[in-house]
Amino acid sequence: MSLAAIQDPYDLMPVVNTIPIVYSSSFSAQSGFRYKVILLNSGATEELTLWIHPDTNNSNYCIYNFNMVLGDLVGTDKDNWDVETFTAAPNSLYNYNFRLIEYIGATSGATTLYKSGGFYVFRGVKQYGDFWSMGDYIPWSGNTATFLSTRQKREYSLTETAVVNTFFGSFGPTTEDADWDRLNISVYNGDFLVEYTISGKTLASPYIYTLPIGPAQLNNISTAGDMVNATTGAPTTGAILDTDDIWYEVYLKNGNDYVSETLRINLDHTCYKHDGVKFVWLGDLSTYEQFTFRMADTKSFKTSKNEIKSDHRHLIGSEWTYAVGDRGRKNINVSTTENHRVISGWIKDKEASDLMELFRSPDVYINIDGSLFPVIITSTSYEEQTVRNNRLFNYTIDFEMAFEKLSNV
């Protein structure tokens, strides 16, 4: 007996999309023939074993999609939403391998253990019409890779945080190892462009890394002296961003080579009436994105309860009667849900496109005084708005806190 690969997974793939294996066997038409598929973790321990019958509609191939089980095994790193150094995100990445064996009845035939080192999946999804290409996201010399984010426009106040994820290490062909040694920040104040560097951090491989790119984090890093002026080589001693600055750009370098795209971040110095509601959500490509709805926040509460009835009279001394306060009706299982309706500030097309990712995210939080609280977006439909059609526009969304307020019953 013999096995032949028709389709194997790519070295690195987003876990929400299909992760297929397709194999053929020269004996697959035999009576009692089956394929045995074994999913292995990075330590070669079996995570899943299953038997697959030949697909009679597709040349008796073994056809299986790993993404559902791998989706349960790979997690997220939401604690990285407010880091101030290069921080590994090991839960967002999963290393796996698989073994395939062919059987006729109880007799086993050929066995294949594919790929030394195995494959990798990360917590991500590529939308229809936008196909996954691993090389587009691997930063290496000669390739200005895309960060693990689909955000088109970024604008933050000086007190806000933000992060972005990227790869580091070997995930496939050695000519495309993710290799970078520093994060550069170029600050523009209307007259001058000053470049700074964060480097010198020890990186493990291979990993997804979370990088701090928000104004609040960068100012804390520079004040602590963990940043260098790229022109003078001197460590910073104070904040690099203030009210005189207009925008800054962040990008990765390896030696003298630019190895990533450049993200431009506009600074918002507007004084707002409201503090705003700061959303933190799992983006399409593993980064925990952030956006503040600044216009309004209306809070309401909905309480649910069950009621039981009983005779309010009972024996008091030798008399069947009642005392003032005895109840004939009582509430039990009382819980309250906190609801919010929030309105964004005036936004433009690119920001509106970015917010679609918030609306469909499975993992959404709000940031209250530096702590995350889980929420459920309850709005289910949104009318797409554009500057051309609507001129100035904003979005309104409804959400609930993802936990109930309980009564002391």
Protein backbone atom coordinates (compact mmCIF):
# COMPACT_ATOMS: atom_id res chain seq x y z
CA MET A 1 0.00 0.00 0.00
CA SER A 2 1.10 3.57 -0.53
CA LEU A 3 0.03 7.13 0.26
CA ALA A 4 0.44 10.23 -1.87
CA ALA A 5 -0.11 13.86 -0.84
CA ILE A 6 -2.60 15.82 -2.95
CA GLN A 7 -2.87 18.85 -0.65
CA ASP A 8 -1.02 19.69 2.57
CA PRO A 9 -1.48 22.74 4.81
CA TYR A 10 0.83 25.70 4.32
CA ASP A 11 3.63 26.14 6.86
CA LEU A 12 1.72 28.94 8.60
CA MET A 13 -2.04 29.56 8.34
CA PRO A 14 -4.84 31.50 10.08
CA VAL A 15 -6.81 29.00 12.16
CA VAL A 16 -10.33 30.16 11.31
CA ASN A 17 -9.89 29.39 7.62
CA THR A 18 -9.79 25.89 6.13
CA ILE A 19 -6.68 23.88 7.03
CA PRO A 20 -6.96 20.94 4.64
CA ILE A 21 -5.20 17.65 4.10
CA VAL A 22 -5.99 15.63 0.98
CA TYR A 23 -4.29 12.28 0.42
CA SER A 24 -4.76 9.38 -1.96
CA SER A 25 -4.06 5.69 -1.58
CA SER A 26 -3.56 3.10 -4.28
CA PHE A 27 -5.75 0.72 -2.23
CA SER A 28 -8.57 3.12 -1.33
CA ALA A 29 -11.12 1.27 -3.50
CA GLN A 30 -10.60 -1.97 -1.55
CA SER A 31 -13.46 -3.21 0.64
CA GLY A 32 -12.96 -2.22 4.29
CA PHE A 33 -10.39 0.46 3.49
CA ARG A 34 -10.05 3.46 5.85
CA TYR A 35 -7.60 6.27 6.57
CA LYS A 36 -6.43 6.91 10.12
CA VAL A 37 -5.51 10.54 10.88
CA ILE A 38 -3.58 11.44 14.04
CA LEU A 39 -3.12 15.06 15.09
CA LEU A 40 0.08 15.66 17.08
CA ASN A 41 1.14 18.63 19.20
CA SER A 42 4.64 20.11 19.27
CA GLY A 43 5.74 17.40 21.70
CA ALA A 44 4.53 14.65 19.33
CA THR A 45 1.72 13.78 21.73
CA GLU A 46 -1.56 12.71 20.16
CA GLU A 47 -4.30 15.35 20.44
CA LEU A 48 -6.84 13.64 18.18
CA THR A 49 -7.28 10.30 16.42
CA LEU A 50 -10.03 9.65 13.91
CA TRP A 51 -10.94 7.25 11.13
CA ILE A 52 -11.92 8.65 7.74
CA HIS A 53 -13.66 6.72 5.01
CA PRO A 54 -12.59 7.38 1.41
CA ASP A 55 -14.49 10.22 -0.25
CA THR A 56 -16.24 8.41 -3.08
CA ASN A 57 -17.11 11.70 -4.77
CA ASN A 58 -13.42 12.69 -4.93
CA SER A 59 -11.36 9.73 -6.17
CA ASN A 60 -11.55 7.96 -2.78
CA TYR A 61 -9.26 10.58 -1.24
CA CYS A 62 -8.75 11.21 2.46
CA ILE A 63 -10.14 14.74 2.90
CA TYR A 64 -10.10 16.43 6.29
CA ASN A 65 -10.16 19.99 7.64
CA PHE A 66 -8.14 20.54 10.84
CA ASN A 67 -9.36 24.04 11.58
CA MET A 68 -12.16 23.20 14.05
CA VAL A 69 -10.00 21.15 16.41
CA LEU A 70 -7.02 23.50 16.02
CA GLY A 71 -9.34 26.42 16.72
CA ASP A 72 -9.98 24.85 20.14
CA LEU A 73 -6.28 24.37 20.81
CA VAL A 74 -4.97 27.82 19.89
CA GLY A 75 -5.90 30.69 22.21
CA THR A 76 -5.35 34.44 22.42
CA ASP A 77 -3.17 36.84 24.39
CA LYS A 78 -5.53 39.61 25.43
CA ASP A 79 -3.22 40.53 28.33
CA ASN A 80 -0.93 42.03 25.67
CA TRP A 81 -3.31 44.90 24.88
CA ASP A 82 -1.25 47.39 26.93
CA VAL A 83 2.38 46.22 26.87
CA GLU A 84 5.44 48.46 27.11
CA THR A 85 8.04 46.12 25.64
CA PHE A 86 8.31 43.46 22.90
CA THR A 87 6.03 40.80 24.35
CA ALA A 88 5.62 37.21 23.13
CA ALA A 89 2.10 36.02 22.36
CA PRO A 90 2.57 32.23 22.66
CA ASN A 91 -1.13 31.45 23.16
CA SER A 92 -2.02 32.95 19.78
CA LEU A 93 0.22 30.47 17.94
CA TYR A 94 0.05 26.67 17.83
CA ASN A 95 2.60 24.20 16.48
CA TYR A 96 1.15 20.90 15.21
CA ASN A 97 1.92 17.92 13.02
CA PHE A 98 -0.06 14.95 11.76
CA ARG A 99 0.41 11.28 10.96
CA LEU A 100 -1.62 9.43 8.35
CA ILE A 101 -1.97 5.61 8.20
CA GLU A 102 -3.92 3.51 5.72
CA TYR A 103 -5.84 0.42 6.80
CA ILE A 104 -7.66 -2.44 5.15
CA GLY A 105 -9.69 -3.94 7.97
CA ALA A 106 -7.23 -4.37 10.85
CA THR A 107 -4.18 -4.45 8.56
CA SER A 108 -2.17 -1.25 8.43
CA GLY A 109 -0.21 -0.14 5.43
CA ALA A 110 1.87 2.90 4.64
CA THR A 111 2.41 5.61 7.26
CA THR A 112 3.40 9.21 6.67
CA LEU A 113 4.55 11.75 9.27
CA TYR A 114 4.65 14.97 7.39
CA LYS A 115 7.17 17.76 7.81
CA SER A 116 9.99 17.89 10.32
CA GLY A 117 9.17 20.67 12.77
CA GLY A 118 5.48 20.60 11.87
CA PHE A 119 3.11 23.37 10.90
CA TYR A 120 1.86 26.52 12.63
CA VAL A 121 -1.56 28.13 12.97
CA PHE A 122 -2.36 31.46 14.58
CA ARG A 123 -5.56 33.03 15.84
CA GLY A 124 -6.65 34.75 12.67
CA VAL A 125 -8.97 34.76 9.66
CA LYS A 126 -8.73 35.99 6.08
CA GLN A 127 -11.95 37.25 4.58
CA TYR A 128 -13.47 36.04 1.30
CA GLY A 129 -11.62 37.45 -1.70
CA ASP A 130 -8.47 38.16 0.32
CA PHE A 131 -6.38 35.00 0.18
CA TRP A 132 -3.77 34.13 2.79
CA SER A 133 -0.17 34.51 1.65
CA MET A 134 2.34 33.75 4.37
CA GLY A 135 5.13 35.72 2.69
CA ASP A 136 3.12 38.95 2.91
CA TYR A 137 3.38 38.88 6.73
CA ILE A 138 6.93 37.63 7.33
CA PRO A 139 9.36 40.56 7.94
CA TRP A 140 12.72 39.72 6.38
CA SER A 141 15.34 41.71 4.48
CA GLY A 142 14.03 42.66 1.07
CA ASN A 143 10.39 42.28 2.12
CA THR A 144 8.36 45.06 3.78
CA ALA A 145 5.85 42.78 5.49
CA THR A 146 2.36 43.68 6.64
CA PHE A 147 1.67 43.79 10.38
CA LEU A 148 -0.97 41.42 11.74
CA SER A 149 -3.69 44.03 11.52
CA THR A 150 -6.16 45.20 8.91
CA ARG A 151 -6.50 48.71 10.39
CA GLN A 152 -6.31 51.35 7.67
CA LYS A 153 -6.37 54.48 9.83
CA ARG A 154 -5.11 55.13 13.35
CA GLU A 155 -5.70 58.18 15.49
CA TYR A 156 -5.03 58.30 19.23
CA SER A 157 -4.88 60.89 21.99
CA LEU A 158 -1.72 61.20 24.09
CA THR A 159 -3.30 59.16 26.90
CA GLU A 160 -4.34 56.19 24.77
CA THR A 161 -2.65 52.83 24.28
CA ALA A 162 -2.36 50.65 21.18
CA VAL A 163 -0.48 47.56 20.02
CA VAL A 164 0.21 45.63 16.83
CA ASN A 165 1.40 42.05 16.29
CA THR A 166 4.05 40.61 13.99
CA PHE A 167 5.99 37.37 13.44
CA PHE A 168 9.54 36.61 14.53
CA GLY A 169 11.54 33.46 13.76
CA SER A 170 11.42 30.59 11.32
CA PHE A 171 8.01 29.42 10.11
CA GLY A 172 8.95 27.92 6.78
CA PRO A 173 11.61 28.39 4.09
CA THR A 174 14.86 29.65 5.63
CA THR A 175 15.04 32.43 3.03
CA GLU A 176 11.90 33.88 4.59
CA ASP A 177 12.66 33.73 8.30
CA ALA A 178 11.01 36.58 10.18
CA ASP A 179 14.00 38.64 11.26
CA TRP A 180 13.97 42.16 12.75
CA ASP A 181 15.97 43.76 15.52
CA ARG A 182 14.18 47.00 16.37
CA LEU A 183 11.05 49.11 16.20
CA ASN A 184 11.54 52.62 14.85
CA ILE A 185 9.35 55.62 15.64
CA SER A 186 9.51 58.79 13.52
CA VAL A 187 7.81 61.83 15.10
CA TYR A 188 6.67 64.88 13.08
CA ASN A 189 5.80 68.21 14.73
CA GLY A 190 5.11 70.24 11.57
CA ASP A 191 8.72 71.34 11.09
CA PHE A 192 11.01 68.44 12.02
CA LEU A 193 11.02 64.67 11.76
CA VAL A 194 12.87 62.97 14.63
CA GLU A 195 13.55 59.22 14.60
CA TYR A 196 13.75 56.99 17.68
CA THR A 197 14.51 53.30 18.17
CA ILE A 198 13.42 50.58 20.60
CA SER A 199 15.81 47.63 20.44
CA GLY A 200 18.03 45.39 22.52
CA LYS A 201 15.24 43.04 23.57
CA THR A 202 15.85 39.27 23.60
CA LEU A 203 13.40 37.49 21.33
CA ALA A 204 12.50 33.81 21.34
CA SER A 205 11.75 32.04 18.07
CA PRO A 206 9.35 31.34 16.52
CA TYR A 207 6.67 33.51 18.03
CA ILE A 208 4.08 36.15 17.44
CA TYR A 209 5.21 39.34 19.17
CA THR A 210 3.10 42.22 20.41
CA LEU A 211 4.63 45.67 19.90
CA PRO A 212 3.66 48.84 21.82
CA ILE A 213 2.70 51.64 19.41
CA GLY A 214 0.28 53.81 21.43
CA PRO A 215 1.26 57.35 22.55
CA ALA A 216 0.92 56.57 26.26
CA GLN A 217 3.16 53.48 26.03
CA LEU A 218 5.81 55.15 23.86
CA ASN A 219 6.03 58.10 26.24
CA ASN A 220 6.41 55.75 29.23
CA ILE A 221 9.13 53.79 27.41
CA SER A 222 11.02 56.94 26.42
CA THR A 223 10.74 58.45 29.91
CA ALA A 224 12.20 55.26 31.36
CA GLY A 225 15.22 55.60 29.05
CA ASP A 226 14.43 52.43 27.06
CA MET A 227 14.45 54.28 23.75
CA VAL A 228 17.30 55.78 21.70
CA ASN A 229 17.47 58.86 19.49
CA ALA A 230 18.39 57.29 16.13
CA THR A 231 20.45 60.34 15.10
CA THR A 232 22.49 60.99 18.24
CA GLY A 233 22.50 57.45 19.68
CA ALA A 234 21.63 58.89 23.10
CA PRO A 235 18.96 57.30 25.30
CA THR A 236 15.81 59.33 25.77
CA THR A 237 15.09 60.95 29.13
CA GLY A 238 11.53 62.22 28.66
CA ALA A 239 8.37 61.93 26.60
CA ILE A 240 8.83 61.98 22.81
CA LEU A 241 5.20 62.90 22.04
CA ASP A 242 3.41 66.05 23.18
CA THR A 243 0.73 68.52 22.08
CA ASP A 244 3.06 70.09 19.49
CA ASP A 245 3.36 66.85 17.50
CA ILE A 246 1.04 66.08 14.58
CA TRP A 247 1.72 62.44 13.72
CA TYR A 248 4.27 59.69 14.08
CA GLU A 249 5.13 56.54 12.13
CA VAL A 250 6.19 53.09 13.34
CA TYR A 251 8.00 50.40 11.36
CA LEU A 252 10.39 47.47 11.82
CA LYS A 253 14.02 47.41 10.69
CA ASN A 254 16.67 44.72 10.48
CA GLY A 255 20.04 46.40 10.35
CA ASN A 256 19.60 49.12 7.73
CA ASP A 257 16.74 47.34 5.97
CA TYR A 258 13.10 48.30 6.34
CA VAL A 259 11.31 44.97 6.83
CA SER A 260 7.73 46.06 7.51
CA GLU A 261 5.09 48.43 6.29
CA THR A 262 4.94 51.88 7.89
CA LEU A 263 1.97 52.67 10.11
CA ARG A 264 1.12 56.36 10.40
CA ILE A 265 -0.63 57.37 13.61
CA ASN A 266 -2.28 60.78 13.81
CA LEU A 267 -2.37 62.48 17.20
CA ASP A 268 -5.77 63.70 18.36
CA HIS A 269 -5.39 66.77 20.58
CA THR A 270 -9.12 67.61 20.67
CA CYS A 271 -10.64 68.29 24.09
CA TYR A 272 -13.79 66.15 24.30
CA LYS A 273 -16.84 66.67 26.50
CA HIS A 274 -17.02 62.96 27.37
CA ASP A 275 -14.31 60.56 28.49
CA GLY A 276 -15.45 58.17 25.80
CA VAL A 277 -15.89 54.40 25.74
CA LYS A 278 -12.63 52.63 24.89
CA PHE A 279 -13.19 49.38 23.03
CA VAL A 280 -10.57 46.63 22.90
CA TRP A 281 -11.32 43.73 20.55
CA LEU A 282 -9.70 40.74 18.90
CA GLY A 283 -8.99 41.74 15.33
CA ASP A 284 -9.01 39.50 12.29
CA LEU A 285 -5.27 38.79 12.50
CA SER A 286 -4.67 38.24 16.26
CA THR A 287 -3.95 41.84 17.34
CA TYR A 288 -6.15 43.33 20.06
CA GLU A 289 -7.26 46.55 18.37
CA GLN A 290 -8.49 49.69 20.16
CA PHE A 291 -10.90 52.49 19.29
CA THR A 292 -12.69 55.10 21.41
CA PHE A 293 -16.35 56.07 20.89
CA ARG A 294 -16.23 59.69 22.02
CA MET A 295 -19.64 61.25 21.34
CA ALA A 296 -22.04 59.79 23.93
CA ASP A 297 -22.70 56.82 26.22
CA THR A 298 -26.25 56.11 27.40
CA LYS A 299 -26.49 53.50 30.16
CA SER A 300 -29.60 51.50 31.08
CA PHE A 301 -30.41 48.44 33.18
CA LYS A 302 -32.76 45.52 32.70
CA THR A 303 -33.65 43.36 35.68
CA SER A 304 -35.07 39.86 35.42
CA LYS A 305 -36.58 37.98 38.34
CA ASN A 306 -38.70 35.01 39.31
CA GLU A 307 -41.46 35.15 41.89
CA ILE A 308 -42.77 32.60 44.37
CA LYS A 309 -45.94 32.88 46.43
CA SER A 310 -46.68 31.53 49.89
CA ASP A 311 -49.14 32.03 52.71
CA HIS A 312 -48.05 35.10 54.64
CA ARG A 313 -49.72 33.76 57.78
CA HIS A 314 -47.94 31.40 60.15
CA LEU A 315 -48.04 30.31 63.76
CA ILE A 316 -47.01 33.01 66.17
CA GLY A 317 -47.21 31.76 69.72
CA SER A 318 -50.55 29.95 69.79
CA GLU A 319 -52.19 32.05 67.07
CA TRP A 320 -52.21 31.52 63.31
CA THR A 321 -51.56 35.08 62.11
CA TYR A 322 -48.89 37.28 60.60
CA ALA A 323 -46.47 40.00 61.60
CA VAL A 324 -46.03 43.24 59.69
CA GLY A 325 -43.44 42.56 57.03
CA ASP A 326 -44.35 38.92 56.40
CA ARG A 327 -44.55 38.33 52.68
CA GLY A 328 -47.00 36.45 50.52
CA ARG A 329 -44.80 37.05 47.45
CA LYS A 330 -41.03 36.85 47.16
CA ASN A 331 -38.52 37.53 44.35
CA ILE A 332 -35.78 34.99 43.65
CA ASN A 333 -33.09 34.64 40.97
CA VAL A 334 -32.82 38.41 40.62
CA SER A 335 -30.20 39.56 38.11
CA THR A 336 -29.57 42.80 36.27
CA THR A 337 -27.98 43.35 32.87
CA GLU A 338 -26.19 46.61 32.19
CA ASN A 339 -26.82 47.95 28.66
CA HIS A 340 -25.09 50.75 26.77
CA ARG A 341 -25.73 52.71 23.60
CA VAL A 342 -22.64 54.56 22.41
CA ILE A 343 -22.00 56.97 19.54
CA SER A 344 -18.65 57.42 17.83
CA GLY A 345 -17.16 60.78 16.96
CA TRP A 346 -17.31 62.04 13.38
CA ILE A 347 -15.41 59.53 11.29
CA LYS A 348 -14.33 58.96 7.70
CA ASP A 349 -14.41 56.03 5.29
CA LYS A 350 -11.25 54.24 6.46
CA GLU A 351 -12.21 54.41 10.12
CA ALA A 352 -15.70 53.18 9.25
CA SER A 353 -14.19 50.22 7.43
CA ASP A 354 -12.00 49.46 10.47
CA LEU A 355 -15.03 49.43 12.76
CA MET A 356 -16.62 46.58 10.81
CA GLU A 357 -13.95 44.41 12.44
CA LEU A 358 -15.14 45.52 15.89
CA PHE A 359 -18.76 44.73 15.03
CA ARG A 360 -17.98 41.15 13.99
CA SER A 361 -15.29 40.37 16.59
CA PRO A 362 -16.02 37.37 18.86
CA ASP A 363 -14.02 38.85 21.76
CA VAL A 364 -14.79 42.46 22.76
CA TYR A 365 -13.96 44.43 25.92
CA ILE A 366 -14.17 47.97 27.20
CA ASN A 367 -11.26 49.60 28.98
CA ILE A 368 -12.31 51.26 32.23
CA ASP A 369 -9.44 52.93 34.10
CA GLY A 370 -6.90 50.46 32.75
CA SER A 371 -8.94 47.29 33.35
CA LEU A 372 -10.79 45.23 30.75
CA PHE A 373 -14.46 44.32 31.14
CA PRO A 374 -16.03 41.83 28.70
CA VAL A 375 -19.02 43.01 26.65
CA ILE A 376 -21.39 41.56 24.05
CA ILE A 377 -22.20 43.70 21.00
CA THR A 378 -25.97 43.33 20.62
CA SER A 379 -26.43 45.43 17.47
CA THR A 380 -26.89 43.02 14.59
CA SER A 381 -27.12 45.27 11.54
CA TYR A 382 -25.27 48.36 10.39
CA GLU A 383 -25.88 50.66 7.47
CA GLU A 384 -22.59 51.31 5.72
CA GLN A 385 -21.95 55.03 5.55
CA THR A 386 -19.47 56.97 3.44
CA VAL A 387 -18.29 60.55 3.14
CA ARG A 388 -19.63 60.67 -0.41
CA ASN A 389 -23.14 59.64 0.63
CA ASN A 390 -23.37 60.98 4.17
CA ARG A 391 -20.68 63.70 4.41
CA LEU A 392 -20.16 63.85 8.18
CA PHE A 393 -21.28 60.64 9.86
CA ASN A 394 -20.88 58.49 12.94
CA TYR A 395 -21.94 55.05 14.17
CA THR A 396 -24.21 54.02 17.01
CA ILE A 397 -23.86 50.57 18.57
CA ASP A 398 -25.51 48.79 21.48
CA PHE A 399 -23.73 46.45 23.85
CA GLU A 400 -24.28 44.62 27.12
CA MET A 401 -21.85 43.85 29.88
CA ALA A 402 -21.04 40.14 29.54
CA PHE A 403 -21.82 39.46 33.20
CA GLU A 404 -24.89 40.07 35.33
CA LYS A 405 -25.23 42.11 38.48
CA LEU A 406 -26.59 39.74 41.11
CA SER A 407 -28.79 40.44 44.11
CA ASN A 408 -28.00 39.25 47.62
CA VAL A 409 -30.69 36.56 47.67
